């Protein structure tokens, strides 16, 4: 999936960490994230992410 880090940051701006996969998806939906972004978030492991860095590492593992 080709979603830029900038695009992802735009949709997740203001999100408080730690955040679960469900929190990320809900936040993305509320902020108008594209279907592609939401699919990528739903593909994450069901765990909590303690920081944007940890989230980025998990997302890079999906590629």
PDB file of N, CA and C in Angstrom:
ATOM      1  N   UNK A   1       0.847  -1.175   0.000  1.00  0.00           N
ATOM      2  CA  UNK A   1       0.000   0.000   0.000  1.00  0.00           C
ATOM      3  C   UNK A   1       0.890   1.235   0.000  1.00  0.00           C
ATOM      4  N   UNK A   2       0.581   2.163  -0.853  1.00  0.00           N
ATOM      5  CA  UNK A   2       1.425   3.342  -0.995  1.00  0.00           C
ATOM      6  C   UNK A   2       0.792   4.555  -0.327  1.00  0.00           C
ATOM      7  N   UNK A   3       0.958   4.638   0.979  1.00  0.00           N
ATOM      8  CA  UNK A   3       0.468   5.779   1.731  1.00  0.00           C
ATOM      9  C   UNK A   3       1.686   6.463   2.328  1.00  0.00           C
ATOM     10  N   UNK A   4       1.811   7.763   2.092  1.00  0.00           N
ATOM     11  CA  UNK A   4       2.983   8.473   2.590  1.00  0.00           C
ATOM     12  C   UNK A   4       2.868   8.736   4.090  1.00  0.00           C
ATOM     13  N   UNK A   5       4.001   8.889   4.718  1.00  0.00           N
ATOM     14  CA  UNK A   5       4.019   9.219   6.139  1.00  0.00           C
ATOM     15  C   UNK A   5       3.341  10.551   6.413  1.00  0.00           C
ATOM     16  N   UNK A   6       3.491  11.476   5.478  1.00  0.00           N
ATOM     17  CA  UNK A   6       2.862  12.784   5.622  1.00  0.00           C
ATOM     18  C   UNK A   6       1.353  12.656   5.592  1.00  0.00           C
ATOM     19  N   UNK A   7       0.838  11.844   4.682  1.00  0.00           N
ATOM     20  CA  UNK A   7      -0.605  11.625   4.587  1.00  0.00           C
ATOM     21  C   UNK A   7      -1.125  10.999   5.880  1.00  0.00           C
ATOM     22  N   UNK A   8      -0.407  10.017   6.375  1.00  0.00           N
ATOM     23  CA  UNK A   8      -0.813   9.339   7.600  1.00  0.00           C
ATOM     24  C   UNK A   8      -0.791  10.303   8.778  1.00  0.00           C
ATOM     25  N   UNK A   9       0.247  11.121   8.892  1.00  0.00           N
ATOM     26  CA  UNK A   9       0.341  12.096   9.982  1.00  0.00           C
ATOM     27  C   UNK A   9      -0.828  13.085   9.926  1.00  0.00           C
ATOM     28  N   UNK A  10      -1.226  13.443   8.725  1.00  0.00           N
ATOM     29  CA  UNK A  10      -2.344  14.375   8.550  1.00  0.00           C
ATOM     30  C   UNK A  10      -3.627  13.799   9.155  1.00  0.00           C
ATOM     31  N   UNK A  11      -3.890  12.541   8.901  1.00  0.00           N
ATOM     32  CA  UNK A  11      -5.110  11.909   9.395  1.00  0.00           C
ATOM     33  C   UNK A  11      -5.052  11.577  10.877  1.00  0.00           C
ATOM     34  N   UNK A  12      -3.845  11.388  11.409  1.00  0.00           N
ATOM     35  CA  UNK A  12      -3.709  11.004  12.810  1.00  0.00           C
ATOM     36  C   UNK A  12      -3.262  12.163  13.703  1.00  0.00           C
ATOM     37  N   UNK A  13      -3.241  13.382  13.162  1.00  0.00           N
ATOM     38  CA  UNK A  13      -2.831  14.553  13.937  1.00  0.00           C
ATOM     39  C   UNK A  13      -3.720  14.711  15.171  1.00  0.00           C
ATOM     40  N   UNK A  14      -3.075  14.959  16.297  1.00  0.00           N
ATOM     41  CA  UNK A  14      -3.809  15.186  17.538  1.00  0.00           C
ATOM     42  C   UNK A  14      -4.152  13.935  18.322  1.00  0.00           C
ATOM     43  N   UNK A  15      -3.826  12.775  17.780  1.00  0.00           N
ATOM     44  CA  UNK A  15      -4.112  11.513  18.462  1.00  0.00           C
ATOM     45  C   UNK A  15      -3.212  11.351  19.668  1.00  0.00           C
ATOM     46  N   UNK A  16      -3.800  10.965  20.793  1.00  0.00           N
ATOM     47  CA  UNK A  16      -3.024  10.719  22.002  1.00  0.00           C
ATOM     48  C   UNK A  16      -2.558   9.260  22.039  1.00  0.00           C
ATOM     49  N   UNK A  17      -1.316   9.064  22.445  1.00  0.00           N
ATOM     50  CA  UNK A  17      -0.756   7.725  22.599  1.00  0.00           C
ATOM     51  C   UNK A  17      -0.661   7.403  24.075  1.00  0.00           C
ATOM     52  N   UNK A  18      -0.744   6.159  24.496  1.00  0.00           N
ATOM     53  CA  UNK A  18      -0.846   4.964  23.648  1.00  0.00           C
ATOM     54  C   UNK A  18      -2.203   4.880  22.958  1.00  0.00           C
ATOM     55  N   UNK A  19      -2.197   4.224  21.798  1.00  0.00           N
ATOM     56  CA  UNK A  19      -3.407   4.073  20.999  1.00  0.00           C
ATOM     57  C   UNK A  19      -3.477   2.647  20.468  1.00  0.00           C
ATOM     58  N   UNK A  20      -4.664   2.074  20.512  1.00  0.00           N
ATOM     59  CA  UNK A  20      -4.873   0.732  19.973  1.00  0.00           C
ATOM     60  C   UNK A  20      -5.153   0.817  18.476  1.00  0.00           C
ATOM     61  N   UNK A  21      -5.126  -0.319  17.829  1.00  0.00           N
ATOM     62  CA  UNK A  21      -5.478  -0.369  16.412  1.00  0.00           C
ATOM     63  C   UNK A  21      -6.871   0.223  16.194  1.00  0.00           C
ATOM     64  N   UNK A  22      -7.815  -0.129  17.075  1.00  0.00           N
ATOM     65  CA  UNK A  22      -9.180   0.374  16.944  1.00  0.00           C
ATOM     66  C   UNK A  22      -9.226   1.896  17.109  1.00  0.00           C
ATOM     67  N   UNK A  23      -8.410   2.429  18.032  1.00  0.00           N
ATOM     68  CA  UNK A  23      -8.330   3.884  18.210  1.00  0.00           C
ATOM     69  C   UNK A  23      -7.833   4.552  16.930  1.00  0.00           C
ATOM     70  N   UNK A  24      -6.815   3.956  16.325  1.00  0.00           N
ATOM     71  CA  UNK A  24      -6.243   4.515  15.099  1.00  0.00           C
ATOM     72  C   UNK A  24      -7.262   4.530  13.963  1.00  0.00           C
ATOM     73  N   UNK A  25      -7.987   3.430  13.808  1.00  0.00           N
ATOM     74  CA  UNK A  25      -8.989   3.338  12.741  1.00  0.00           C
ATOM     75  C   UNK A  25     -10.095   4.361  12.985  1.00  0.00           C
ATOM     76  N   UNK A  26     -10.579   4.426  14.215  1.00  0.00           N
ATOM     77  CA  UNK A  26     -11.660   5.371  14.541  1.00  0.00           C
ATOM     78  C   UNK A  26     -11.207   6.816  14.303  1.00  0.00           C
ATOM     79  N   UNK A  27      -9.998   7.139  14.737  1.00  0.00           N
ATOM     80  CA  UNK A  27      -9.464   8.487  14.562  1.00  0.00           C
ATOM     81  C   UNK A  27      -9.330   8.803  13.072  1.00  0.00           C
ATOM     82  N   UNK A  28      -8.828   7.842  12.318  1.00  0.00           N
ATOM     83  CA  UNK A  28      -8.708   8.039  10.871  1.00  0.00           C
ATOM     84  C   UNK A  28     -10.057   8.277  10.220  1.00  0.00           C
ATOM     85  N   UNK A  29     -11.062   7.506  10.607  1.00  0.00           N
ATOM     86  CA  UNK A  29     -12.409   7.676  10.052  1.00  0.00           C
ATOM     87  C   UNK A  29     -12.955   9.062  10.364  1.00  0.00           C
ATOM     88  N   UNK A  30     -12.774   9.493  11.611  1.00  0.00           N
ATOM     89  CA  UNK A  30     -13.293  10.795  12.030  1.00  0.00           C
ATOM     90  C   UNK A  30     -12.581  11.950  11.333  1.00  0.00           C
ATOM     91  N   UNK A  31     -11.364  11.704  10.849  1.00  0.00           N
ATOM     92  CA  UNK A  31     -10.592  12.754  10.195  1.00  0.00           C
ATOM     93  C   UNK A  31     -10.537  12.605   8.682  1.00  0.00           C
ATOM     94  N   UNK A  32     -11.432  11.787   8.130  1.00  0.00           N
ATOM     95  CA  UNK A  32     -11.572  11.690   6.682  1.00  0.00           C
ATOM     96  C   UNK A  32     -10.492  10.918   5.963  1.00  0.00           C
ATOM     97  N   UNK A  33      -9.879   9.956   6.643  1.00  0.00           N
ATOM     98  CA  UNK A  33      -8.829   9.157   6.006  1.00  0.00           C
ATOM     99  C   UNK A  33      -9.389   8.385   4.813  1.00  0.00           C
ATOM    100  N   UNK A  34      -8.545   8.203   3.821  1.00  0.00           N
ATOM    101  CA  UNK A  34      -8.943   7.462   2.621  1.00  0.00           C
ATOM    102  C   UNK A  34      -9.150   5.985   2.947  1.00  0.00           C
ATOM    103  N   UNK A  35      -9.832   5.299   2.064  1.00  0.00           N
ATOM    104  CA  UNK A  35     -10.053   3.863   2.221  1.00  0.00           C
ATOM    105  C   UNK A  35      -8.723   3.129   2.322  1.00  0.00           C
ATOM    106  N   UNK A  36      -7.756   3.556   1.533  1.00  0.00           N
ATOM    107  CA  UNK A  36      -6.435   2.911   1.546  1.00  0.00           C
ATOM    108  C   UNK A  36      -5.764   3.051   2.917  1.00  0.00           C
ATOM    109  N   UNK A  37      -5.845   4.234   3.514  1.00  0.00           N
ATOM    110  CA  UNK A  37      -5.260   4.460   4.837  1.00  0.00           C
ATOM    111  C   UNK A  37      -5.969   3.598   5.876  1.00  0.00           C
ATOM    112  N   UNK A  38      -7.303   3.571   5.822  1.00  0.00           N
ATOM    113  CA  UNK A  38      -8.069   2.780   6.787  1.00  0.00           C
ATOM    114  C   UNK A  38      -7.760   1.291   6.647  1.00  0.00           C
ATOM    115  N   UNK A  39      -7.604   0.807   5.437  1.00  0.00           N
ATOM    116  CA  UNK A  39      -7.246  -0.600   5.225  1.00  0.00           C
ATOM    117  C   UNK A  39      -5.881  -0.896   5.828  1.00  0.00           C
ATOM    118  N   UNK A  40      -4.960   0.012   5.664  1.00  0.00           N
ATOM    119  CA  UNK A  40      -3.621  -0.171   6.214  1.00  0.00           C
ATOM    120  C   UNK A  40      -3.681  -0.208   7.740  1.00  0.00           C
ATOM    121  N   UNK A  41      -4.445   0.682   8.341  1.00  0.00           N
ATOM    122  CA  UNK A  41      -4.569   0.705   9.803  1.00  0.00           C
ATOM    123  C   UNK A  41      -5.230  -0.574  10.317  1.00  0.00           C
ATOM    124  N   UNK A  42      -6.234  -1.058   9.593  1.00  0.00           N
ATOM    125  CA  UNK A  42      -6.926  -2.290  10.002  1.00  0.00           C
ATOM    126  C   UNK A  42      -6.014  -3.514   9.900  1.00  0.00           C
ATOM    127  N   UNK A  43      -4.987  -3.437   9.066  1.00  0.00           N
ATOM    128  CA  UNK A  43      -4.055  -4.556   8.885  1.00  0.00           C
ATOM    129  C   UNK A  43      -3.007  -4.629   9.990  1.00  0.00           C
ATOM    130  N   UNK A  44      -2.963  -3.625  10.847  1.00  0.00           N
ATOM    131  CA  UNK A  44      -1.991  -3.628  11.951  1.00  0.00           C
ATOM    132  C   UNK A  44      -2.309  -4.729  12.947  1.00  0.00           C
ATOM    133  N   UNK A  45      -1.304  -5.174  13.693  1.00  0.00           N
ATOM    134  CA  UNK A  45      -1.571  -6.146  14.750  1.00  0.00           C
ATOM    135  C   UNK A  45      -2.448  -5.515  15.831  1.00  0.00           C
ATOM    136  N   UNK A  46      -3.237  -6.331  16.491  1.00  0.00           N
ATOM    137  CA  UNK A  46      -4.138  -5.847  17.543  1.00  0.00           C
ATOM    138  C   UNK A  46      -3.334  -5.627  18.818  1.00  0.00           C
ATOM    139  N   UNK A  47      -2.717  -4.481  18.909  1.00  0.00           N
ATOM    140  CA  UNK A  47      -1.920  -4.142  20.076  1.00  0.00           C
ATOM    141  C   UNK A  47      -1.966  -2.644  20.283  1.00  0.00           C
ATOM    142  N   UNK A  48      -1.398  -2.179  21.383  1.00  0.00           N
ATOM    143  CA  UNK A  48      -1.322  -0.744  21.616  1.00  0.00           C
ATOM    144  C   UNK A  48       0.023  -0.231  21.139  1.00  0.00           C
ATOM    145  N   UNK A  49      -0.007   0.952  20.582  1.00  0.00           N
ATOM    146  CA  UNK A  49       1.204   1.611  20.097  1.00  0.00           C
ATOM    147  C   UNK A  49       1.486   2.773  21.033  1.00  0.00           C
ATOM    148  N   UNK A  50       2.689   2.810  21.591  1.00  0.00           N
ATOM    149  CA  UNK A  50       2.996   3.805  22.618  1.00  0.00           C
ATOM    150  C   UNK A  50       3.469   5.138  22.058  1.00  0.00           C
ATOM    151  N   UNK A  51       3.798   5.170  20.756  1.00  0.00           N
ATOM    152  CA  UNK A  51       4.297   6.409  20.166  1.00  0.00           C
ATOM    153  C   UNK A  51       4.138   6.353  18.642  1.00  0.00           C
ATOM    154  N   UNK A  52       4.226   7.522  17.996  1.00  0.00           N
ATOM    155  CA  UNK A  52       4.199   7.528  16.531  1.00  0.00           C
ATOM    156  C   UNK A  52       5.332   6.705  15.918  1.00  0.00           C
ATOM    157  N   UNK A  53       6.482   6.683  16.581  1.00  0.00           N
ATOM    158  CA  UNK A  53       7.619   5.899  16.086  1.00  0.00           C
ATOM    159  C   UNK A  53       7.287   4.412  16.087  1.00  0.00           C
ATOM    160  N   UNK A  54       6.678   3.947  17.180  1.00  0.00           N
ATOM    161  CA  UNK A  54       6.296   2.537  17.263  1.00  0.00           C
ATOM    162  C   UNK A  54       5.258   2.200  16.187  1.00  0.00           C
ATOM    163  N   UNK A  55       4.330   3.098  15.951  1.00  0.00           N
ATOM    164  CA  UNK A  55       3.328   2.897  14.906  1.00  0.00           C
ATOM    165  C   UNK A  55       4.002   2.826  13.536  1.00  0.00           C
ATOM    166  N   UNK A  56       4.939   3.713  13.276  1.00  0.00           N
ATOM    167  CA  UNK A  56       5.651   3.717  11.990  1.00  0.00           C
ATOM    168  C   UNK A  56       6.391   2.414  11.767  1.00  0.00           C
ATOM    169  N   UNK A  57       7.005   1.883  12.822  1.00  0.00           N
ATOM    170  CA  UNK A  57       7.727   0.618  12.708  1.00  0.00           C
ATOM    171  C   UNK A  57       6.759  -0.517  12.364  1.00  0.00           C
ATOM    172  N   UNK A  58       5.592  -0.523  12.996  1.00  0.00           N
ATOM    173  CA  UNK A  58       4.602  -1.563  12.714  1.00  0.00           C
ATOM    174  C   UNK A  58       4.088  -1.448  11.285  1.00  0.00           C
ATOM    175  N   UNK A  59       3.887  -0.217  10.826  1.00  0.00           N
ATOM    176  CA  UNK A  59       3.401  -0.010   9.458  1.00  0.00           C
ATOM    177  C   UNK A  59       4.443  -0.420   8.434  1.00  0.00           C
ATOM    178  N   UNK A  60       5.702  -0.180   8.718  1.00  0.00           N
ATOM    179  CA  UNK A  60       6.754  -0.556   7.770  1.00  0.00           C
ATOM    180  C   UNK A  60       6.856  -2.070   7.657  1.00  0.00           C
ATOM    181  N   UNK A  61       6.459  -2.780   8.706  1.00  0.00           N
ATOM    182  CA  UNK A  61       6.451  -4.240   8.671  1.00  0.00           C
ATOM    183  C   UNK A  61       5.339  -4.815   7.817  1.00  0.00           C
ATOM    184  N   UNK A  62       4.355  -3.999   7.465  1.00  0.00           N
ATOM    185  CA  UNK A  62       3.245  -4.464   6.617  1.00  0.00           C
ATOM    186  C   UNK A  62       3.622  -4.509   5.146  1.00  0.00           C
ATOM    187  N   UNK A  63       4.603  -3.721   4.777  1.00  0.00           N
ATOM    188  CA  UNK A  63       4.960  -3.604   3.351  1.00  0.00           C
ATOM    189  C   UNK A  63       5.556  -4.876   2.794  1.00  0.00           C
TER     190      UNK A  63
END
